[in-house]
């Protein structure tokens, strides 16, 4: 989680400076994604959010599902978007923020530093 927080902070603090130079900076915060590295740490990485995915009826993301948001953020369609963190986690984070999935709320509270 710390590395995601560090990336989010970097994107937020650099957005204005870089935009003034014609550079956009954005990032995604992916949920559990089935990659070789994640499989090597399956219990911890792919196990995270299992209860939410079961309730939502979704599977662990595939790399191509994370590529789509990246392609959008790098495209001309996103030319007015900078300094944005796009969370691509099947709605886990927003379910924690809204309290619609209470088990996610402690994780979200930690991520937001509350």
Protein backbone atom coordinates (compact mmCIF):
# COMPACT_ATOMS: atom_id res chain seq x y z
CA UNK A 1 0.00 0.00 0.00
CA UNK A 2 2.87 2.35 0.71
CA UNK A 3 4.10 2.20 -2.87
CA UNK A 4 0.61 3.06 -4.16
CA UNK A 5 0.46 6.00 -1.76
CA UNK A 6 3.88 7.19 -2.92
CA UNK A 7 2.84 7.03 -6.59
CA UNK A 8 -0.40 8.88 -5.84
CA UNK A 9 1.50 11.61 -3.99
CA UNK A 10 4.03 11.94 -6.81
CA UNK A 11 1.32 12.23 -9.47
CA UNK A 12 -0.55 14.84 -7.42
CA UNK A 13 2.49 16.98 -6.69
CA UNK A 14 3.92 16.87 -10.21
CA UNK A 15 0.73 17.39 -12.25
CA UNK A 16 0.85 21.20 -12.45
CA UNK A 17 4.60 21.47 -13.04
CA UNK A 18 4.58 18.85 -15.76
CA UNK A 19 1.38 20.15 -17.41
CA UNK A 20 3.02 23.56 -17.74
CA UNK A 21 5.68 21.76 -19.82
CA UNK A 22 3.05 19.98 -21.94
CA UNK A 23 3.34 16.69 -20.12
CA UNK A 24 0.40 14.88 -18.54
CA UNK A 25 0.92 12.55 -15.58
CA UNK A 26 -1.66 10.04 -14.41
CA UNK A 27 -1.60 6.61 -12.81
CA UNK A 28 -3.77 3.64 -12.15
CA UNK A 29 -4.17 1.79 -8.87
CA UNK A 30 -4.99 -1.72 -9.97
CA UNK A 31 -6.76 -4.26 -7.86
CA UNK A 32 -5.62 -7.86 -7.72
CA UNK A 33 -4.33 -8.75 -11.19
CA UNK A 34 -3.32 -12.21 -12.36
CA UNK A 35 0.35 -11.84 -13.31
CA UNK A 36 3.35 -14.15 -12.78
CA UNK A 37 4.57 -11.94 -9.91
CA UNK A 38 1.13 -11.96 -8.28
CA UNK A 39 0.95 -15.75 -8.63
CA UNK A 40 4.28 -16.03 -6.83
CA UNK A 41 2.66 -14.16 -3.93
CA UNK A 42 -0.83 -15.54 -4.54
CA UNK A 43 -2.05 -15.79 -0.96
CA UNK A 44 -1.22 -12.18 -0.21
CA UNK A 45 -1.76 -10.45 -3.56
CA UNK A 46 -4.45 -12.48 -5.30
CA UNK A 47 -6.18 -13.28 -2.02
CA UNK A 48 -6.71 -9.61 -1.25
CA UNK A 49 -10.34 -8.64 -1.83
CA UNK A 50 -11.54 -12.19 -2.47
CA UNK A 51 -14.62 -11.59 -0.34
CA UNK A 52 -15.48 -8.48 -2.36
CA UNK A 53 -14.96 -10.20 -5.70
CA UNK A 54 -17.21 -13.06 -4.61
CA UNK A 55 -19.94 -10.61 -3.55
CA UNK A 56 -19.56 -8.65 -6.81
CA UNK A 57 -19.41 -11.77 -8.97
CA UNK A 58 -16.09 -10.85 -10.59
CA UNK A 59 -12.76 -12.61 -10.98
CA UNK A 60 -9.23 -11.38 -10.41
CA UNK A 61 -8.37 -8.91 -13.18
CA UNK A 62 -6.33 -9.99 -16.15
CA UNK A 63 -3.46 -7.78 -17.36
CA UNK A 64 -5.47 -6.74 -20.44
CA UNK A 65 -8.13 -5.30 -18.13
CA UNK A 66 -5.50 -3.02 -16.59
CA UNK A 67 -4.11 -2.12 -20.01
CA UNK A 68 -7.41 -0.55 -21.13
CA UNK A 69 -7.38 2.24 -18.53
CA UNK A 70 -3.70 2.90 -19.27
CA UNK A 71 -4.37 3.15 -22.99
CA UNK A 72 -7.20 5.58 -22.33
CA UNK A 73 -5.10 7.79 -20.06
CA UNK A 74 -2.35 7.89 -22.71
CA UNK A 75 -4.76 8.67 -25.55
CA UNK A 76 -5.94 11.96 -27.02
CA UNK A 77 -9.37 11.18 -25.54
CA UNK A 78 -7.83 11.95 -22.13
CA UNK A 79 -6.01 15.11 -23.24
CA UNK A 80 -7.61 17.21 -20.48
CA UNK A 81 -6.87 14.68 -17.75
CA UNK A 82 -3.77 15.10 -15.62
CA UNK A 83 -2.95 14.46 -11.98
CA UNK A 84 -5.56 11.72 -11.84
CA UNK A 85 -5.33 8.38 -10.12
CA UNK A 86 -7.68 5.90 -11.76
CA UNK A 87 -8.58 3.01 -9.49
CA UNK A 88 -9.16 -0.15 -11.54
CA UNK A 89 -10.27 -2.63 -8.88
CA UNK A 90 -13.84 -3.64 -9.79
CA UNK A 91 -15.16 -1.02 -7.33
CA UNK A 92 -13.50 -2.32 -4.15
CA UNK A 93 -12.11 1.05 -3.07
CA UNK A 94 -15.32 3.01 -3.70
CA UNK A 95 -17.33 0.30 -1.92
CA UNK A 96 -15.10 0.89 1.10
CA UNK A 97 -15.45 4.68 0.87
CA UNK A 98 -19.23 4.49 0.60
CA UNK A 99 -19.57 1.76 3.22
CA UNK A 100 -21.51 -0.43 0.80
CA UNK A 101 -18.96 -3.19 1.46
CA UNK A 102 -17.98 -2.64 5.11
CA UNK A 103 -15.07 -5.12 5.02
CA UNK A 104 -13.25 -2.75 2.63
CA UNK A 105 -13.70 0.31 4.83
CA UNK A 106 -10.69 -0.34 7.14
CA UNK A 107 -8.39 -0.73 4.12
CA UNK A 108 -9.72 2.47 2.56
CA UNK A 109 -9.44 4.33 5.87
CA UNK A 110 -5.79 3.24 6.11
CA UNK A 111 -5.09 4.25 2.49
CA UNK A 112 -6.62 7.68 3.08
CA UNK A 113 -4.64 8.13 6.29
CA UNK A 114 -7.70 8.50 8.50
